[in-house]
């Protein structure tokens, strides 16, 4: 990771804080504790980063998979077979 020091006019600080958070980056302001944000996934189709609610849902799904509460299938046929659905 690379650190960059920049000076921003006081009137623009809130704008830059929002932009830095949206990009999933971190920042430290003189006199404040480090503001650490989790990286967000980028959606190339929309050109946007996923919001916190979506990121939380993805993290929960990963936890569920890790603990066997969510299954993954190689095909729809395999899923139907596991669920007892005859096609």
N, C-alpha and C. Protein backbone atom coordinates (compact mmCIF):
# COMPACT_ATOMS: atom_id res chain seq x y z
N UNK A 1 0.85 -1.17 0.00
CA UNK A 1 0.00 0.00 0.00
C UNK A 1 0.89 1.23 0.00
N UNK A 2 0.46 2.26 -0.69
CA UNK A 2 1.21 3.51 -0.77
C UNK A 2 0.46 4.60 -0.02
N UNK A 3 1.19 5.41 0.73
CA UNK A 3 0.60 6.53 1.45
C UNK A 3 0.88 7.81 0.68
N UNK A 4 -0.14 8.67 0.59
CA UNK A 4 -0.01 9.96 -0.08
C UNK A 4 -0.52 11.03 0.87
N UNK A 5 0.20 12.11 1.01
CA UNK A 5 -0.22 13.23 1.84
C UNK A 5 -0.69 14.35 0.94
N UNK A 6 -1.92 14.83 1.18
CA UNK A 6 -2.44 15.95 0.39
C UNK A 6 -3.05 16.97 1.34
N UNK A 7 -3.05 18.22 0.92
CA UNK A 7 -3.70 19.28 1.68
C UNK A 7 -4.97 19.67 0.95
N UNK A 8 -6.10 19.64 1.68
CA UNK A 8 -7.40 19.92 1.10
C UNK A 8 -8.01 21.11 1.83
N UNK A 9 -8.58 22.05 1.08
CA UNK A 9 -9.26 23.17 1.76
C UNK A 9 -10.38 22.64 2.67
N UNK A 10 -10.56 23.28 3.82
CA UNK A 10 -11.57 22.84 4.79
C UNK A 10 -12.96 22.68 4.15
N UNK A 11 -13.28 23.53 3.20
CA UNK A 11 -14.61 23.48 2.59
C UNK A 11 -14.82 22.21 1.75
N UNK A 12 -13.74 21.52 1.36
CA UNK A 12 -13.85 20.34 0.51
C UNK A 12 -13.61 19.02 1.25
N UNK A 13 -13.33 19.07 2.55
CA UNK A 13 -12.97 17.88 3.30
C UNK A 13 -14.08 16.83 3.27
N UNK A 14 -15.33 17.23 3.52
CA UNK A 14 -16.42 16.24 3.56
C UNK A 14 -16.60 15.58 2.21
N UNK A 15 -16.43 16.33 1.12
CA UNK A 15 -16.54 15.75 -0.22
C UNK A 15 -15.47 14.66 -0.42
N UNK A 16 -14.24 14.96 -0.06
CA UNK A 16 -13.16 14.00 -0.24
C UNK A 16 -13.31 12.78 0.67
N UNK A 17 -13.81 13.00 1.89
CA UNK A 17 -14.05 11.85 2.78
C UNK A 17 -15.06 10.90 2.14
N UNK A 18 -16.14 11.43 1.58
CA UNK A 18 -17.15 10.59 0.93
C UNK A 18 -16.57 9.84 -0.27
N UNK A 19 -15.78 10.53 -1.07
CA UNK A 19 -15.19 9.91 -2.25
C UNK A 19 -14.20 8.80 -1.85
N UNK A 20 -13.40 9.05 -0.84
CA UNK A 20 -12.43 8.05 -0.38
C UNK A 20 -13.17 6.82 0.14
N UNK A 21 -14.24 7.03 0.90
CA UNK A 21 -15.03 5.90 1.42
C UNK A 21 -15.67 5.13 0.27
N UNK A 22 -16.21 5.84 -0.69
CA UNK A 22 -16.87 5.19 -1.84
C UNK A 22 -15.88 4.33 -2.62
N UNK A 23 -14.64 4.74 -2.70
CA UNK A 23 -13.62 3.98 -3.42
C UNK A 23 -13.10 2.80 -2.60
N UNK A 24 -13.49 2.70 -1.32
CA UNK A 24 -13.04 1.61 -0.49
C UNK A 24 -11.62 1.81 0.02
N UNK A 25 -11.16 3.05 0.01
CA UNK A 25 -9.81 3.36 0.48
C UNK A 25 -9.85 3.76 1.94
N UNK A 26 -8.68 4.01 2.52
CA UNK A 26 -8.59 4.49 3.89
C UNK A 26 -7.93 5.86 3.90
N UNK A 27 -8.16 6.60 4.96
CA UNK A 27 -7.50 7.89 5.11
C UNK A 27 -7.21 8.16 6.57
N UNK A 28 -6.24 9.01 6.81
CA UNK A 28 -5.91 9.48 8.15
C UNK A 28 -5.82 10.99 8.08
N UNK A 29 -6.52 11.65 8.99
CA UNK A 29 -6.46 13.11 9.04
C UNK A 29 -5.63 13.51 10.25
N UNK A 30 -4.86 14.56 10.10
CA UNK A 30 -4.06 15.06 11.22
C UNK A 30 -4.98 15.35 12.39
N UNK A 31 -4.64 14.80 13.55
CA UNK A 31 -5.43 15.03 14.75
C UNK A 31 -6.60 14.07 14.92
N UNK A 32 -6.81 13.17 13.98
CA UNK A 32 -7.90 12.18 14.10
C UNK A 32 -7.32 10.78 14.01
N UNK A 33 -8.10 9.81 14.51
CA UNK A 33 -7.70 8.42 14.37
C UNK A 33 -7.93 7.99 12.93
N UNK A 34 -7.24 6.94 12.53
CA UNK A 34 -7.37 6.42 11.17
C UNK A 34 -8.81 6.01 10.89
N UNK A 35 -9.30 6.37 9.72
CA UNK A 35 -10.63 5.99 9.26
C UNK A 35 -10.48 4.82 8.31
N UNK A 36 -10.74 3.63 8.81
CA UNK A 36 -10.54 2.43 8.01
C UNK A 36 -11.88 1.95 7.48
N UNK A 37 -11.94 1.73 6.19
CA UNK A 37 -13.15 1.19 5.58
C UNK A 37 -12.79 -0.10 4.88
N UNK A 38 -13.76 -1.00 4.81
CA UNK A 38 -13.53 -2.24 4.08
C UNK A 38 -13.59 -1.96 2.59
N UNK A 39 -12.77 -2.67 1.81
CA UNK A 39 -12.87 -2.48 0.37
C UNK A 39 -14.23 -2.95 -0.14
N UNK A 40 -14.74 -2.27 -1.12
CA UNK A 40 -16.01 -2.63 -1.72
C UNK A 40 -15.77 -3.21 -3.11
N UNK A 41 -16.66 -4.09 -3.52
CA UNK A 41 -16.55 -4.69 -4.84
C UNK A 41 -17.01 -3.70 -5.90
N UNK A 42 -16.34 -3.73 -7.03
CA UNK A 42 -16.63 -2.85 -8.14
C UNK A 42 -17.47 -3.58 -9.17
N UNK A 43 -18.54 -2.95 -9.65
CA UNK A 43 -19.40 -3.53 -10.69
C UNK A 43 -19.08 -2.84 -12.01
N UNK A 44 -18.36 -3.52 -12.90
CA UNK A 44 -17.96 -2.88 -14.16
C UNK A 44 -19.14 -2.55 -15.07
N UNK A 45 -20.28 -3.24 -14.89
CA UNK A 45 -21.44 -2.95 -15.72
C UNK A 45 -22.05 -1.59 -15.40
N UNK A 46 -22.09 -1.24 -14.12
CA UNK A 46 -22.68 0.03 -13.73
C UNK A 46 -21.63 1.11 -13.47
N UNK A 47 -20.38 0.68 -13.29
CA UNK A 47 -19.33 1.64 -12.97
C UNK A 47 -19.38 2.11 -11.54
N UNK A 48 -20.07 1.35 -10.67
CA UNK A 48 -20.22 1.75 -9.29
C UNK A 48 -19.69 0.67 -8.35
N UNK A 49 -19.48 1.07 -7.11
CA UNK A 49 -19.08 0.13 -6.07
C UNK A 49 -20.34 -0.32 -5.34
N UNK A 50 -20.36 -1.56 -4.88
CA UNK A 50 -21.51 -2.08 -4.17
C UNK A 50 -21.66 -1.37 -2.83
N UNK A 51 -22.90 -1.14 -2.42
CA UNK A 51 -23.12 -0.42 -1.17
C UNK A 51 -22.94 -1.33 0.05
N UNK A 52 -22.99 -0.74 1.24
CA UNK A 52 -22.73 -1.49 2.47
C UNK A 52 -23.73 -2.63 2.68
N UNK A 53 -25.00 -2.42 2.33
CA UNK A 53 -26.02 -3.45 2.51
C UNK A 53 -25.70 -4.68 1.64
N UNK A 54 -25.30 -4.44 0.40
CA UNK A 54 -24.95 -5.54 -0.50
C UNK A 54 -23.69 -6.24 -0.02
N UNK A 55 -22.70 -5.48 0.42
CA UNK A 55 -21.46 -6.07 0.93
C UNK A 55 -21.74 -6.95 2.14
N UNK A 56 -22.65 -6.50 3.03
CA UNK A 56 -23.00 -7.29 4.21
C UNK A 56 -23.66 -8.60 3.80
N UNK A 57 -24.55 -8.55 2.80
CA UNK A 57 -25.22 -9.77 2.32
C UNK A 57 -24.21 -10.75 1.74
N UNK A 58 -23.23 -10.25 1.01
CA UNK A 58 -22.19 -11.11 0.43
C UNK A 58 -21.36 -11.75 1.55
N UNK A 59 -20.97 -10.94 2.54
CA UNK A 59 -20.19 -11.47 3.67
C UNK A 59 -20.97 -12.54 4.43
N UNK A 60 -22.28 -12.31 4.63
CA UNK A 60 -23.11 -13.29 5.33
C UNK A 60 -23.22 -14.59 4.52
N UNK A 61 -23.34 -14.48 3.21
CA UNK A 61 -23.41 -15.67 2.36
C UNK A 61 -22.12 -16.47 2.45
N UNK A 62 -20.98 -15.77 2.47
CA UNK A 62 -19.69 -16.47 2.61
C UNK A 62 -19.61 -17.20 3.95
N UNK A 63 -20.08 -16.55 5.02
CA UNK A 63 -20.09 -17.19 6.34
C UNK A 63 -21.01 -18.41 6.34
N UNK A 64 -22.18 -18.27 5.72
CA UNK A 64 -23.11 -19.39 5.65
C UNK A 64 -22.51 -20.57 4.88
N UNK A 65 -21.80 -20.28 3.80
CA UNK A 65 -21.16 -21.36 3.03
C UNK A 65 -20.08 -22.04 3.86
N UNK A 66 -19.33 -21.23 4.59
CA UNK A 66 -18.24 -21.76 5.40
C UNK A 66 -18.76 -22.70 6.49
N UNK A 67 -19.94 -22.40 7.02
CA UNK A 67 -20.51 -23.20 8.10
C UNK A 67 -21.55 -24.21 7.62
N UNK A 68 -21.64 -24.40 6.31
CA UNK A 68 -22.53 -25.41 5.76
C UNK A 68 -24.00 -25.05 5.76
N UNK A 69 -24.33 -23.78 5.97
CA UNK A 69 -25.73 -23.36 5.97
C UNK A 69 -26.22 -22.96 4.59
N UNK A 70 -25.30 -22.89 3.64
CA UNK A 70 -25.63 -22.52 2.27
C UNK A 70 -24.88 -23.46 1.35
N UNK A 71 -25.57 -24.00 0.37
CA UNK A 71 -24.94 -24.96 -0.53
C UNK A 71 -24.66 -24.33 -1.88
N UNK A 72 -23.67 -24.90 -2.54
CA UNK A 72 -23.31 -24.49 -3.89
C UNK A 72 -23.43 -25.71 -4.79
N UNK A 73 -23.96 -25.52 -5.97
CA UNK A 73 -24.15 -26.62 -6.91
C UNK A 73 -23.43 -26.33 -8.22
N UNK A 74 -22.99 -27.41 -8.87
CA UNK A 74 -22.32 -27.27 -10.16
C UNK A 74 -23.31 -27.06 -11.29
N UNK A 75 -24.57 -27.46 -11.07
CA UNK A 75 -25.58 -27.30 -12.11
C UNK A 75 -26.96 -27.24 -11.48
N UNK A 76 -27.93 -26.80 -12.26
CA UNK A 76 -29.31 -26.76 -11.80
C UNK A 76 -29.80 -28.18 -11.57
N UNK A 77 -29.40 -29.11 -12.43
CA UNK A 77 -29.80 -30.51 -12.27
C UNK A 77 -29.32 -31.07 -10.93
N UNK A 78 -28.09 -30.76 -10.55
CA UNK A 78 -27.56 -31.22 -9.26
C UNK A 78 -28.35 -30.63 -8.10
N UNK A 79 -28.74 -29.37 -8.23
CA UNK A 79 -29.52 -28.73 -7.18
C UNK A 79 -30.89 -29.40 -7.08
N UNK A 80 -31.57 -29.60 -8.22
CA UNK A 80 -32.87 -30.25 -8.21
C UNK A 80 -32.79 -31.64 -7.59
N UNK A 81 -31.76 -32.39 -7.96
CA UNK A 81 -31.60 -33.74 -7.43
C UNK A 81 -31.44 -33.70 -5.92
N UNK A 82 -30.62 -32.78 -5.40
CA UNK A 82 -30.40 -32.65 -3.97
C UNK A 82 -31.68 -32.26 -3.24
N UNK A 83 -32.51 -31.46 -3.89
CA UNK A 83 -33.76 -31.00 -3.29
C UNK A 83 -34.90 -32.00 -3.49
N UNK A 84 -34.63 -33.08 -4.24
CA UNK A 84 -35.66 -34.09 -4.47
C UNK A 84 -36.67 -33.69 -5.50
N UNK A 85 -36.29 -32.82 -6.40
CA UNK A 85 -37.20 -32.37 -7.46
C UNK A 85 -36.87 -33.16 -8.72
N UNK A 86 -37.90 -33.85 -9.24
CA UNK A 86 -37.70 -34.63 -10.47
C UNK A 86 -38.12 -33.79 -11.66
N UNK A 87 -37.20 -33.64 -12.58
CA UNK A 87 -37.48 -32.83 -13.77
C UNK A 87 -37.64 -33.73 -14.97
